[in-house]
Amino acid sequence: MTNARLVGVFDGADAELRADSTQATLEMQCIVVNTQSPIITDGHGNFTISATRRSSGGAPPIPGAGVTPVRLDGYVSAGDPRRVRLVLSVIPEEPGAPAPASENHNLIEGWPSPNFLACP
């Protein structure tokens, strides 16, 4: 296998990943994660990419609250349909600080999009 750009729409019970040749967007309940570059897998289907996370919908944003730097680590299977295992981790603000809890998502290409409830 060679390096490849991840392109497609992948859905799971609680998230949707839309990836094209220039960037990717992961949507979850009240949260949007954006990359500024495409997801590139290595020869084994693994990837790591920096992104930003922000709240969406619901209450008006808090003044001064911006985006949070995050990291997406994952694996793309080569089957049909393709599957993406994804781990979303917040990048600690201080070097050497312990990493906060991460979120795991299993997504499948061609599955129905999740039905997100309105944000509180």
PDB file of N, CA and C in Angstrom:
ATOM      1  N   MET A   1       0.841  -1.192   0.000  1.00  0.00           N
ATOM      2  CA  MET A   1       0.000   0.000   0.000  1.00  0.00           C
ATOM      3  C   MET A   1       0.882   1.250   0.000  1.00  0.00           C
ATOM      4  N   THR A   2       0.369   2.320  -0.564  1.00  0.00           N
ATOM      5  CA  THR A   2       1.087   3.585  -0.588  1.00  0.00           C
ATOM      6  C   THR A   2       0.272   4.635   0.156  1.00  0.00           C
ATOM      7  N   ASN A   3       0.895   5.787   0.405  1.00  0.00           N
ATOM      8  CA  ASN A   3       0.176   6.883   1.035  1.00  0.00           C
ATOM      9  C   ASN A   3      -0.995   7.288   0.157  1.00  0.00           C
ATOM     10  N   ALA A   4      -2.114   7.673   0.792  1.00  0.00           N
ATOM     11  CA  ALA A   4      -3.298   8.057   0.016  1.00  0.00           C
ATOM     12  C   ALA A   4      -4.091   9.118   0.769  1.00  0.00           C
ATOM     13  N   ARG A   5      -4.768   9.975   0.019  1.00  0.00           N
ATOM     14  CA  ARG A   5      -5.676  10.955   0.616  1.00  0.00           C
ATOM     15  C   ARG A   5      -6.988  10.259   0.924  1.00  0.00           C
ATOM     16  N   LEU A   6      -7.539  10.543   2.080  1.00  0.00           N
ATOM     17  CA  LEU A   6      -8.848  10.007   2.441  1.00  0.00           C
ATOM     18  C   LEU A   6      -9.907  10.939   1.863  1.00  0.00           C
ATOM     19  N   VAL A   7     -10.767  10.404   1.005  1.00  0.00           N
ATOM     20  CA  VAL A   7     -11.850  11.171   0.396  1.00  0.00           C
ATOM     21  C   VAL A   7     -13.121  10.353   0.543  1.00  0.00           C
ATOM     22  N   GLY A   8     -14.179  10.985   1.065  1.00  0.00           N
ATOM     23  CA  GLY A   8     -15.454  10.304   1.196  1.00  0.00           C
ATOM     24  C   GLY A   8     -16.229  10.806   2.395  1.00  0.00           C
ATOM     25  N   VAL A   9     -17.406  10.222   2.595  1.00  0.00           N
ATOM     26  CA  VAL A   9     -18.265  10.550   3.735  1.00  0.00           C
ATOM     27  C   VAL A   9     -18.414   9.274   4.556  1.00  0.00           C
ATOM     28  N   PHE A  10     -18.119   9.384   5.851  1.00  0.00           N
ATOM     29  CA  PHE A  10     -18.127   8.247   6.762  1.00  0.00           C
ATOM     30  C   PHE A  10     -19.016   8.594   7.947  1.00  0.00           C
ATOM     31  N   ASP A  11     -19.951   7.701   8.273  1.00  0.00           N
ATOM     32  CA  ASP A  11     -20.910   7.980   9.349  1.00  0.00           C
ATOM     33  C   ASP A  11     -20.865   6.892  10.407  1.00  0.00           C
ATOM     34  N   GLY A  12     -21.267   7.285  11.603  1.00  0.00           N
ATOM     35  CA  GLY A  12     -21.386   6.365  12.723  1.00  0.00           C
ATOM     36  C   GLY A  12     -22.571   6.760  13.559  1.00  0.00           C
ATOM     37  N   ALA A  13     -22.697   6.143  14.720  1.00  0.00           N
ATOM     38  CA  ALA A  13     -23.842   6.410  15.587  1.00  0.00           C
ATOM     39  C   ALA A  13     -23.863   7.852  16.088  1.00  0.00           C
ATOM     40  N   ASP A  14     -22.682   8.465  16.249  1.00  0.00           N
ATOM     41  CA  ASP A  14     -22.636   9.787  16.874  1.00  0.00           C
ATOM     42  C   ASP A  14     -21.721  10.779  16.168  1.00  0.00           C
ATOM     43  N   ALA A  15     -21.311  10.482  14.935  1.00  0.00           N
ATOM     44  CA  ALA A  15     -20.391  11.386  14.243  1.00  0.00           C
ATOM     45  C   ALA A  15     -20.460  11.171  12.737  1.00  0.00           C
ATOM     46  N   GLU A  16     -20.073  12.225  12.002  1.00  0.00           N
ATOM     47  CA  GLU A  16     -19.953  12.140  10.551  1.00  0.00           C
ATOM     48  C   GLU A  16     -18.655  12.808  10.131  1.00  0.00           C
ATOM     49  N   LEU A  17     -17.863  12.119   9.324  1.00  0.00           N
ATOM     50  CA  LEU A  17     -16.616  12.647   8.786  1.00  0.00           C
ATOM     51  C   LEU A  17     -16.790  12.850   7.283  1.00  0.00           C
ATOM     52  N   ARG A  18     -16.559  14.098   6.837  1.00  0.00           N
ATOM     53  CA  ARG A  18     -16.567  14.423   5.411  1.00  0.00           C
ATOM     54  C   ARG A  18     -15.147  14.855   5.036  1.00  0.00           C
ATOM     55  N   ALA A  19     -14.522  14.063   4.180  1.00  0.00           N
ATOM     56  CA  ALA A  19     -13.137  14.343   3.801  1.00  0.00           C
ATOM     57  C   ALA A  19     -13.052  14.527   2.288  1.00  0.00           C
ATOM     58  N   ASP A  20     -12.339  15.583   1.874  1.00  0.00           N
ATOM     59  CA  ASP A  20     -12.096  15.761   0.444  1.00  0.00           C
ATOM     60  C   ASP A  20     -10.595  15.929   0.222  1.00  0.00           C
ATOM     61  N   SER A  21     -10.209  16.306  -0.963  1.00  0.00           N
ATOM     62  CA  SER A  21      -8.788  16.369  -1.299  1.00  0.00           C
ATOM     63  C   SER A  21      -8.057  17.550  -0.670  1.00  0.00           C
ATOM     64  N   THR A  22      -8.786  18.444   0.022  1.00  0.00           N
ATOM     65  CA  THR A  22      -8.139  19.614   0.619  1.00  0.00           C
ATOM     66  C   THR A  22      -8.289  19.729   2.125  1.00  0.00           C
ATOM     67  N   GLN A  23      -9.318  19.090   2.711  1.00  0.00           N
ATOM     68  CA  GLN A  23      -9.574  19.228   4.150  1.00  0.00           C
ATOM     69  C   GLN A  23     -10.559  18.155   4.604  1.00  0.00           C
ATOM     70  N   ALA A  24     -10.850  18.154   5.912  1.00  0.00           N
ATOM     71  CA  ALA A  24     -11.848  17.231   6.457  1.00  0.00           C
ATOM     72  C   ALA A  24     -12.628  17.929   7.558  1.00  0.00           C
ATOM     73  N   THR A  25     -13.898  17.526   7.718  1.00  0.00           N
ATOM     74  CA  THR A  25     -14.761  18.052   8.775  1.00  0.00           C
ATOM     75  C   THR A  25     -15.396  16.876   9.491  1.00  0.00           C
ATOM     76  N   LEU A  26     -15.283  16.873  10.818  1.00  0.00           N
ATOM     77  CA  LEU A  26     -15.916  15.866  11.660  1.00  0.00           C
ATOM     78  C   LEU A  26     -17.004  16.577  12.445  1.00  0.00           C
ATOM     79  N   GLU A  27     -18.254  16.136  12.274  1.00  0.00           N
ATOM     80  CA  GLU A  27     -19.366  16.728  13.014  1.00  0.00           C
ATOM     81  C   GLU A  27     -19.882  15.736  14.028  1.00  0.00           C
ATOM     82  N   MET A  28     -20.115  16.256  15.243  1.00  0.00           N
ATOM     83  CA  MET A  28     -20.690  15.484  16.335  1.00  0.00           C
ATOM     84  C   MET A  28     -21.757  16.342  16.987  1.00  0.00           C
ATOM     85  N   GLN A  29     -22.404  15.812  17.996  1.00  0.00           N
ATOM     86  CA  GLN A  29     -23.423  16.563  18.722  1.00  0.00           C
ATOM     87  C   GLN A  29     -22.817  17.847  19.277  1.00  0.00           C
ATOM     88  N   CYS A  30     -23.205  18.988  18.740  1.00  0.00           N
ATOM     89  CA  CYS A  30     -22.807  20.323  19.216  1.00  0.00           C
ATOM     90  C   CYS A  30     -21.323  20.648  19.036  1.00  0.00           C
ATOM     91  N   ILE A  31     -20.605  19.863  18.227  1.00  0.00           N
ATOM     92  CA  ILE A  31     -19.170  20.085  18.033  1.00  0.00           C
ATOM     93  C   ILE A  31     -18.826  19.900  16.556  1.00  0.00           C
ATOM     94  N   VAL A  32     -17.928  20.764  16.066  1.00  0.00           N
ATOM     95  CA  VAL A  32     -17.395  20.624  14.715  1.00  0.00           C
ATOM     96  C   VAL A  32     -15.872  20.646  14.811  1.00  0.00           C
ATOM     97  N   VAL A  33     -15.231  19.698  14.138  1.00  0.00           N
ATOM     98  CA  VAL A  33     -13.774  19.622  14.085  1.00  0.00           C
ATOM     99  C   VAL A  33     -13.357  19.806  12.632  1.00  0.00           C
ATOM    100  N   ASN A  34     -12.413  20.716  12.382  1.00  0.00           N
ATOM    101  CA  ASN A  34     -11.952  21.004  11.024  1.00  0.00           C
ATOM    102  C   ASN A  34     -10.445  20.815  10.912  1.00  0.00           C
ATOM    103  N   THR A  35     -10.017  20.208   9.819  1.00  0.00           N
ATOM    104  CA  THR A  35      -8.598  20.169   9.486  1.00  0.00           C
ATOM    105  C   THR A  35      -8.345  21.248   8.449  1.00  0.00           C
ATOM    106  N   GLN A  36      -7.125  21.701   8.356  1.00  0.00           N
ATOM    107  CA  GLN A  36      -6.776  22.701   7.345  1.00  0.00           C
ATOM    108  C   GLN A  36      -6.054  22.066   6.172  1.00  0.00           C
ATOM    109  N   SER A  37      -5.938  20.750   6.197  1.00  0.00           N
ATOM    110  CA  SER A  37      -5.287  20.016   5.112  1.00  0.00           C
ATOM    111  C   SER A  37      -5.971  18.656   4.987  1.00  0.00           C
ATOM    112  N   PRO A  38      -5.702  17.937   3.918  1.00  0.00           N
ATOM    113  CA  PRO A  38      -6.357  16.640   3.746  1.00  0.00           C
ATOM    114  C   PRO A  38      -5.816  15.595   4.725  1.00  0.00           C
ATOM    115  N   ILE A  39      -6.595  14.561   4.946  1.00  0.00           N
ATOM    116  CA  ILE A  39      -6.123  13.422   5.736  1.00  0.00           C
ATOM    117  C   ILE A  39      -5.343  12.509   4.792  1.00  0.00           C
ATOM    118  N   ILE A  40      -4.074  12.280   5.132  1.00  0.00           N
ATOM    119  CA  ILE A  40      -3.211  11.426   4.330  1.00  0.00           C
ATOM    120  C   ILE A  40      -2.894  10.179   5.146  1.00  0.00           C
ATOM    121  N   THR A  41      -3.226   9.011   4.604  1.00  0.00           N
ATOM    122  CA  THR A  41      -2.906   7.764   5.290  1.00  0.00           C
ATOM    123  C   THR A  41      -1.528   7.280   4.857  1.00  0.00           C
ATOM    124  N   ASP A  42      -0.871   6.551   5.770  1.00  0.00           N
ATOM    125  CA  ASP A  42       0.408   5.949   5.408  1.00  0.00           C
ATOM    126  C   ASP A  42       0.150   4.636   4.666  1.00  0.00           C
ATOM    127  N   GLY A  43       1.171   3.904   4.371  1.00  0.00           N
ATOM    128  CA  GLY A  43       1.038   2.672   3.617  1.00  0.00           C
ATOM    129  C   GLY A  43       0.249   1.582   4.311  1.00  0.00           C
ATOM    130  N   HIS A  44      -0.055   1.786   5.610  1.00  0.00           N
ATOM    131  CA  HIS A  44      -0.820   0.793   6.371  1.00  0.00           C
ATOM    132  C   HIS A  44      -2.229   1.275   6.697  1.00  0.00           C
ATOM    133  N   GLY A  45      -2.600   2.472   6.209  1.00  0.00           N
ATOM    134  CA  GLY A  45      -3.938   3.011   6.470  1.00  0.00           C
ATOM    135  C   GLY A  45      -4.031   3.891   7.702  1.00  0.00           C
ATOM    136  N   ASN A  46      -2.910   4.151   8.388  1.00  0.00           N
ATOM    137  CA  ASN A  46      -2.909   4.974   9.603  1.00  0.00           C
ATOM    138  C   ASN A  46      -2.749   6.449   9.254  1.00  0.00           C
ATOM    139  N   PHE A  47      -3.274   7.312  10.122  1.00  0.00           N
ATOM    140  CA  PHE A  47      -3.081   8.745   9.934  1.00  0.00           C
ATOM    141  C   PHE A  47      -3.099   9.472  11.271  1.00  0.00           C
ATOM    142  N   THR A  48      -2.459  10.625  11.290  1.00  0.00           N
ATOM    143  CA  THR A  48      -2.483  11.582  12.398  1.00  0.00           C
ATOM    144  C   THR A  48      -2.519  12.957  11.766  1.00  0.00           C
ATOM    145  N   ILE A  49      -3.439  13.808  12.244  1.00  0.00           N
ATOM    146  CA  ILE A  49      -3.536  15.159  11.688  1.00  0.00           C
ATOM    147  C   ILE A  49      -4.000  16.121  12.781  1.00  0.00           C
ATOM    148  N   SER A  50      -3.475  17.330  12.757  1.00  0.00           N
ATOM    149  CA  SER A  50      -3.911  18.379  13.679  1.00  0.00           C
ATOM    150  C   SER A  50      -5.190  19.007  13.143  1.00  0.00           C
ATOM    151  N   ALA A  51      -6.019  19.481  14.076  1.00  0.00           N
ATOM    152  CA  ALA A  51      -7.295  20.085  13.697  1.00  0.00           C
ATOM    153  C   ALA A  51      -7.702  21.075  14.785  1.00  0.00           C
ATOM    154  N   THR A  52      -8.849  21.714  14.578  1.00  0.00           N
ATOM    155  CA  THR A  52      -9.424  22.588  15.591  1.00  0.00           C
ATOM    156  C   THR A  52     -10.852  22.156  15.869  1.00  0.00           C
ATOM    157  N   ARG A  53     -11.260  22.322  17.128  1.00  0.00           N
ATOM    158  CA  ARG A  53     -12.608  21.950  17.546  1.00  0.00           C
ATOM    159  C   ARG A  53     -13.316  23.199  18.062  1.00  0.00           C
ATOM    160  N   ARG A  54     -14.603  23.333  17.678  1.00  0.00           N
ATOM    161  CA  ARG A  54     -15.404  24.446  18.186  1.00  0.00           C
ATOM    162  C   ARG A  54     -16.819  23.950  18.454  1.00  0.00           C
ATOM    163  N   SER A  55     -17.504  24.656  19.323  1.00  0.00           N
ATOM    164  CA  SER A  55     -18.904  24.346  19.601  1.00  0.00           C
ATOM    165  C   SER A  55     -19.752  24.835  18.444  1.00  0.00           C
ATOM    166  N   SER A  56     -20.884  24.167  18.235  1.00  0.00           N
ATOM    167  CA  SER A  56     -21.796  24.594  17.186  1.00  0.00           C
ATOM    168  C   SER A  56     -23.220  24.498  17.695  1.00  0.00           C
ATOM    169  N   GLY A  57     -24.085  25.376  17.184  1.00  0.00           N
ATOM    170  CA  GLY A  57     -25.493  25.348  17.576  1.00  0.00           C
ATOM    171  C   GLY A  57     -25.680  25.678  19.043  1.00  0.00           C
ATOM    172  N   GLY A  58     -26.892  25.490  19.499  1.00  0.00           N
ATOM    173  CA  GLY A  58     -27.190  25.700  20.915  1.00  0.00           C
ATOM    174  C   GLY A  58     -27.086  27.145  21.337  1.00  0.00           C
ATOM    175  N   ALA A  59     -26.603  27.340  22.550  1.00  0.00           N
ATOM    176  CA  ALA A  59     -26.497  28.673  23.146  1.00  0.00           C
ATOM    177  C   ALA A  59     -25.506  29.529  22.376  1.00  0.00           C
ATOM    178  N   PRO A  60     -25.666  30.856  22.462  1.00  0.00           N
ATOM    179  CA  PRO A  60     -24.700  31.746  21.802  1.00  0.00           C
ATOM    180  C   PRO A  60     -23.296  31.500  22.338  1.00  0.00           C
ATOM    181  N   PRO A  61     -22.280  31.656  21.488  1.00  0.00           N
ATOM    182  CA  PRO A  61     -20.914  31.417  21.957  1.00  0.00           C
ATOM    183  C   PRO A  61     -20.530  32.364  23.082  1.00  0.00           C
ATOM    184  N   ILE A  62     -19.672  31.903  23.954  1.00  0.00           N
ATOM    185  CA  ILE A  62     -19.171  32.726  25.052  1.00  0.00           C
ATOM    186  C   ILE A  62     -18.120  33.667  24.483  1.00  0.00           C
ATOM    187  N   PRO A  63     -18.221  34.980  24.786  1.00  0.00           N
ATOM    188  CA  PRO A  63     -17.216  35.912  24.263  1.00  0.00           C
ATOM    189  C   PRO A  63     -15.812  35.473  24.670  1.00  0.00           C
ATOM    190  N   GLY A  64     -14.900  35.510  23.721  1.00  0.00           N
ATOM    191  CA  GLY A  64     -13.520  35.116  23.993  1.00  0.00           C
ATOM    192  C   GLY A  64     -13.267  33.625  23.844  1.00  0.00           C
ATOM    193  N   ALA A  65     -14.341  32.833  23.767  1.00  0.00           N
ATOM    194  CA  ALA A  65     -14.159  31.390  23.585  1.00  0.00           C
ATOM    195  C   ALA A  65     -13.904  31.124  22.113  1.00  0.00           C
ATOM    196  N   GLY A  66     -12.817  30.488  21.843  1.00  0.00           N
ATOM    197  CA  GLY A  66     -12.471  30.238  20.449  1.00  0.00           C
ATOM    198  C   GLY A  66     -12.429  28.764  20.149  1.00  0.00           C
ATOM    199  N   VAL A  67     -11.497  28.411  19.346  1.00  0.00           N
ATOM    200  CA  VAL A  67     -11.333  27.019  18.962  1.00  0.00           C
ATOM    201  C   VAL A  67     -10.299  26.354  19.858  1.00  0.00           C
ATOM    202  N   THR A  68     -10.388  25.059  19.954  1.00  0.00           N
ATOM    203  CA  THR A  68      -9.463  24.265  20.755  1.00  0.00           C
ATOM    204  C   THR A  68      -8.629  23.407  19.814  1.00  0.00           C
ATOM    205  N   PRO A  69      -7.294  23.407  19.968  1.00  0.00           N
ATOM    206  CA  PRO A  69      -6.495  22.526  19.115  1.00  0.00           C
ATOM    207  C   PRO A  69      -6.705  21.067  19.509  1.00  0.00           C
ATOM    208  N   VAL A  70      -6.880  20.221  18.513  1.00  0.00           N
ATOM    209  CA  VAL A  70      -7.084  18.793  18.753  1.00  0.00           C
ATOM    210  C   VAL A  70      -6.244  17.993  17.756  1.00  0.00           C
ATOM    211  N   ARG A  71      -6.180  16.697  17.997  1.00  0.00           N
ATOM    212  CA  ARG A  71      -5.479  15.801  17.090  1.00  0.00           C
ATOM    213  C   ARG A  71      -6.414  14.650  16.735  1.00  0.00           C
ATOM    214  N   LEU A  72      -6.415  14.275  15.467  1.00  0.00           N
ATOM    215  CA  LEU A  72      -7.168  13.115  15.007  1.00  0.00           C
ATOM    216  C   LEU A  72      -6.170  12.021  14.645  1.00  0.00           C
ATOM    217  N   ASP A  73      -6.296  10.887  15.296  1.00  0.00           N
ATOM    218  CA  ASP A  73      -5.502   9.707  14.970  1.00  0.00           C
ATOM    219  C   ASP A  73      -6.470   8.649  14.485  1.00  0.00           C
ATOM    220  N   GLY A  74      -6.081   7.889  13.482  1.00  0.00           N
ATOM    221  CA  GLY A  74      -7.021   6.895  13.007  1.00  0.00           C
ATOM    222  C   GLY A  74      -6.431   5.856  12.102  1.00  0.00           C
ATOM    223  N   TYR A  75      -7.336   5.013  11.648  1.00  0.00           N
ATOM    224  CA  TYR A  75      -6.998   3.922  10.744  1.00  0.00           C
ATOM    225  C   TYR A  75      -8.138   3.770   9.747  1.00  0.00           C
ATOM    226  N   VAL A  76      -7.804   3.616   8.469  1.00  0.00           N
ATOM    227  CA  VAL A  76      -8.794   3.408   7.424  1.00  0.00           C
ATOM    228  C   VAL A  76      -8.612   1.994   6.878  1.00  0.00           C
ATOM    229  N   SER A  77      -9.679   1.199   6.921  1.00  0.00           N
ATOM    230  CA  SER A  77      -9.618  -0.143   6.355  1.00  0.00           C
ATOM    231  C   SER A  77      -9.801  -0.060   4.845  1.00  0.00           C
ATOM    232  N   ALA A  78      -9.280  -1.039   4.135  1.00  0.00           N
ATOM    233  CA  ALA A  78      -9.366  -1.037   2.679  1.00  0.00           C
ATOM    234  C   ALA A  78     -10.559  -1.834   2.170  1.00  0.00           C
ATOM    235  N   GLY A  79     -11.438  -2.298   3.052  1.00  0.00           N
ATOM    236  CA  GLY A  79     -12.568  -3.135   2.636  1.00  0.00           C
ATOM    237  C   GLY A  79     -13.655  -2.350   1.930  1.00  0.00           C
ATOM    238  N   ASP A  80     -14.742  -3.040   1.642  1.00  0.00           N
ATOM    239  CA  ASP A  80     -15.892  -2.413   1.015  1.00  0.00           C
ATOM    240  C   ASP A  80     -17.121  -2.772   1.844  1.00  0.00           C
ATOM    241  N   PRO A  81     -17.694  -1.855   2.608  1.00  0.00           N
ATOM    242  CA  PRO A  81     -17.347  -0.434   2.638  1.00  0.00           C
ATOM    243  C   PRO A  81     -16.097  -0.175   3.483  1.00  0.00           C
ATOM    244  N   ARG A  82     -15.436   0.952   3.172  1.00  0.00           N
ATOM    245  CA  ARG A  82     -14.287   1.350   3.989  1.00  0.00           C
ATOM    246  C   ARG A  82     -14.776   1.759   5.372  1.00  0.00           C
ATOM    247  N   ARG A  83     -13.937   1.520   6.357  1.00  0.00           N
ATOM    248  CA  ARG A  83     -14.238   1.887   7.744  1.00  0.00           C
ATOM    249  C   ARG A  83     -13.116   2.774   8.264  1.00  0.00           C
ATOM    250  N   VAL A  84     -13.490   3.710   9.129  1.00  0.00           N
ATOM    251  CA  VAL A  84     -12.510   4.592   9.761  1.00  0.00           C
ATOM    252  C   VAL A  84     -12.653   4.439  11.272  1.00  0.00           C
ATOM    253  N   ARG A  85     -11.562   4.076  11.925  1.00  0.00           N
ATOM    254  CA  ARG A  85     -11.498   4.125  13.392  1.00  0.00           C
ATOM    255  C   ARG A  85     -10.784   5.426  13.721  1.00  0.00           C
ATOM    256  N   LEU A  86     -11.387   6.235  14.564  1.00  0.00           N
ATOM    257  CA  LEU A  86     -10.911   7.590  14.787  1.00  0.00           C
ATOM    258  C   LEU A  86     -10.831   7.879  16.278  1.00  0.00           C
ATOM    259  N   VAL A  87      -9.725   8.505  16.701  1.00  0.00           N
ATOM    260  CA  VAL A  87      -9.566   8.955  18.077  1.00  0.00           C
ATOM    261  C   VAL A  87      -9.355  10.465  18.037  1.00  0.00           C
ATOM    262  N   LEU A  88     -10.212  11.195  18.742  1.00  0.00           N
ATOM    263  CA  LEU A  88     -10.131  12.653  18.839  1.00  0.00           C
ATOM    264  C   LEU A  88      -9.543  12.996  20.198  1.00  0.00           C
ATOM    265  N   SER A  89      -8.395  13.688  20.217  1.00  0.00           N
ATOM    266  CA  SER A  89      -7.714  14.038  21.458  1.00  0.00           C
ATOM    267  C   SER A  89      -7.462  15.533  21.512  1.00  0.00           C
ATOM    268  N   VAL A  90      -7.708  16.132  22.663  1.00  0.00           N
ATOM    269  CA  VAL A  90      -7.383  17.537  22.871  1.00  0.00           C
ATOM    270  C   VAL A  90      -5.882  17.634  23.112  1.00  0.00           C
ATOM    271  N   ILE A  91      -5.238  18.611  22.503  1.00  0.00           N
ATOM    272  CA  ILE A  91      -3.806  18.827  22.703  1.00  0.00           C
ATOM    273  C   ILE A  91      -3.641  19.676  23.963  1.00  0.00           C
ATOM    274  N   PRO A  92      -2.884  19.188  24.964  1.00  0.00           N
ATOM    275  CA  PRO A  92      -2.700  19.974  26.196  1.00  0.00           C
ATOM    276  C   PRO A  92      -2.077  21.335  25.888  1.00  0.00           C
ATOM    277  N   GLU A  93      -2.519  22.360  26.626  1.00  0.00           N
ATOM    278  CA  GLU A  93      -1.998  23.710  26.394  1.00  0.00           C
ATOM    279  C   GLU A  93      -0.574  23.871  26.890  1.00  0.00           C
ATOM    280  N   GLU A  94      -0.209  23.135  27.951  1.00  0.00           N
ATOM    281  CA  GLU A  94       1.134  23.238  28.499  1.00  0.00           C
ATOM    282  C   GLU A  94       1.943  22.004  28.113  1.00  0.00           C
ATOM    283  N   PRO A  95       3.169  22.198  27.644  1.00  0.00           N
ATOM    284  CA  PRO A  95       3.997  21.043  27.297  1.00  0.00           C
ATOM    285  C   PRO A  95       4.176  20.126  28.511  1.00  0.00           C
ATOM    286  N   GLY A  96       4.038  18.853  28.294  1.00  0.00           N
ATOM    287  CA  GLY A  96       4.206  17.885  29.373  1.00  0.00           C
ATOM    288  C   GLY A  96       2.971  17.671  30.228  1.00  0.00           C
ATOM    289  N   ALA A  97       1.918  18.471  30.016  1.00  0.00           N
ATOM    290  CA  ALA A  97       0.690  18.298  30.792  1.00  0.00           C
ATOM    291  C   ALA A  97       0.007  17.005  30.372  1.00  0.00           C
ATOM    292  N   PRO A  98      -0.702  16.361  31.300  1.00  0.00           N
ATOM    293  CA  PRO A  98      -1.401  15.131  30.916  1.00  0.00           C
ATOM    294  C   PRO A  98      -2.487  15.427  29.887  1.00  0.00           C
ATOM    295  N   ALA A  99      -2.659  14.511  28.972  1.00  0.00           N
ATOM    296  CA  ALA A  99      -3.684  14.673  27.939  1.00  0.00           C
ATOM    297  C   ALA A  99      -5.064  14.410  28.528  1.00  0.00           C
ATOM    298  N   PRO A 100      -6.047  15.235  28.198  1.00  0.00           N
ATOM    299  CA  PRO A 100      -7.414  14.972  28.638  1.00  0.00           C
ATOM    300  C   PRO A 100      -7.943  13.694  27.977  1.00  0.00           C
ATOM    301  N   ALA A 101      -9.082  13.250  28.433  1.00  0.00           N
ATOM    302  CA  ALA A 101      -9.696  12.044  27.863  1.00  0.00           C
ATOM    303  C   ALA A 101      -9.920  12.223  26.367  1.00  0.00           C
ATOM    304  N   SER A 102      -9.852  11.134  25.636  1.00  0.00           N
ATOM    305  CA  SER A 102     -10.072  11.184  24.195  1.00  0.00           C
ATOM    306  C   SER A 102     -11.413  10.539  23.861  1.00  0.00           C
ATOM    307  N   GLU A 103     -11.886  10.793  22.648  1.00  0.00           N
ATOM    308  CA  GLU A 103     -13.153  10.228  22.165  1.00  0.00           C
ATOM    309  C   GLU A 103     -12.850   9.278  21.020  1.00  0.00           C
ATOM    310  N   ASN A 104     -13.498   8.120  21.018  1.00  0.00           N
ATOM    311  CA  ASN A 104     -13.329   7.128  19.958  1.00  0.00           C
ATOM    312  C   ASN A 104     -14.582   7.076  19.100  1.00  0.00           C
ATOM    313  N   HIS A 105     -14.384   6.975  17.782  1.00  0.00           N
ATOM    314  CA  HIS A 105     -15.504   6.885  16.847  1.00  0.00           C
ATOM    315  C   HIS A 105     -15.200   5.819  15.811  1.00  0.00           C
ATOM    316  N   ASN A 106     -16.194   5.004  15.511  1.00  0.00           N
ATOM    317  CA  ASN A 106     -16.106   4.012  14.441  1.00  0.00           C
ATOM    318  C   ASN A 106     -17.078   4.441  13.352  1.00  0.00           C
ATOM    319  N   LEU A 107     -16.551   4.715  12.170  1.00  0.00           N
ATOM    320  CA  LEU A 107     -17.346   5.268  11.083  1.00  0.00           C
ATOM    321  C   LEU A 107     -17.284   4.345   9.866  1.00  0.00           C
ATOM    322  N   ILE A 108     -18.367   4.319   9.094  1.00  0.00           N
ATOM    323  CA  ILE A 108     -18.453   3.447   7.927  1.00  0.00           C
ATOM    324  C   ILE A 108     -18.906   4.268   6.721  1.00  0.00           C
ATOM    325  N   GLU A 109     -18.225   4.085   5.609  1.00  0.00           N
ATOM    326  CA  GLU A 109     -18.583   4.799   4.383  1.00  0.00           C
ATOM    327  C   GLU A 109     -19.932   4.295   3.877  1.00  0.00           C
ATOM    328  N   GLY A 110     -20.834   5.240   3.572  1.00  0.00           N
ATOM    329  CA  GLY A 110     -22.123   4.872   3.006  1.00  0.00           C
ATOM    330  C   GLY A 110     -23.226   4.589   4.015  1.00  0.00           C
ATOM    331  N   TRP A 111     -22.924   4.667   5.300  1.00  0.00           N
ATOM    332  CA  TRP A 111     -23.982   4.484   6.299  1.00  0.00           C
ATOM    333  C   TRP A 111     -24.844   5.722   6.354  1.00  0.00           C
ATOM    334  N   PRO A 112     -26.086   5.601   6.844  1.00  0.00           N
ATOM    335  CA  PRO A 112     -26.925   6.790   6.983  1.00  0.00           C
ATOM    336  C   PRO A 112     -26.307   7.772   7.972  1.00  0.00           C
ATOM    337  N   SER A 113     -26.502   9.060   7.694  1.00  0.00           N
ATOM    338  CA  SER A 113     -25.972  10.091   8.582  1.00  0.00           C
ATOM    339  C   SER A 113     -26.651  10.006   9.943  1.00  0.00           C
ATOM    340  N   PRO A 114     -25.921  10.325  11.024  1.00  0.00           N
ATOM    341  CA  PRO A 114     -26.545  10.316  12.339  1.00  0.00           C
ATOM    342  C   PRO A 114     -27.569  11.443  12.447  1.00  0.00           C
ATOM    343  N   ASN A 115     -28.560  11.251  13.274  1.00  0.00           N
ATOM    344  CA  ASN A 115     -29.562  12.284  13.546  1.00  0.00           C
ATOM    345  C   ASN A 115     -29.154  12.987  14.835  1.00  0.00           C
ATOM    346  N   PHE A 116     -28.539  14.147  14.701  1.00  0.00           N
ATOM    347  CA  PHE A 116     -28.117  14.893  15.873  1.00  0.00           C
ATOM    348  C   PHE A 116     -29.316  15.594  16.488  1.00  0.00           C
ATOM    349  N   LEU A 117     -29.415  15.543  17.808  1.00  0.00           N
ATOM    350  CA  LEU A 117     -30.446  16.278  18.520  1.00  0.00           C
ATOM    351  C   LEU A 117     -30.030  17.744  18.589  1.00  0.00           C
ATOM    352  N   ALA A 118     -30.999  18.625  18.801  1.00  0.00           N
ATOM    353  CA  ALA A 118     -30.691  20.049  18.945  1.00  0.00           C
ATOM    354  C   ALA A 118     -29.776  20.242  20.153  1.00  0.00           C
ATOM    355  N   CYS A 119     -28.790  21.118  20.004  1.00  0.00           N
ATOM    356  CA  CYS A 119     -27.877  21.388  21.105  1.00  0.00           C
ATOM    357  C   CYS A 119     -28.605  22.173  22.190  1.00  0.00           C
ATOM    358  N   PRO A 120     -28.315  21.854  23.454  1.00  0.00           N
ATOM    359  CA  PRO A 120     -28.995  22.599  24.555  1.00  0.00           C
ATOM    360  C   PRO A 120     -28.521  24.021  24.637  1.00  0.00           C
TER     361      PRO A 120
END
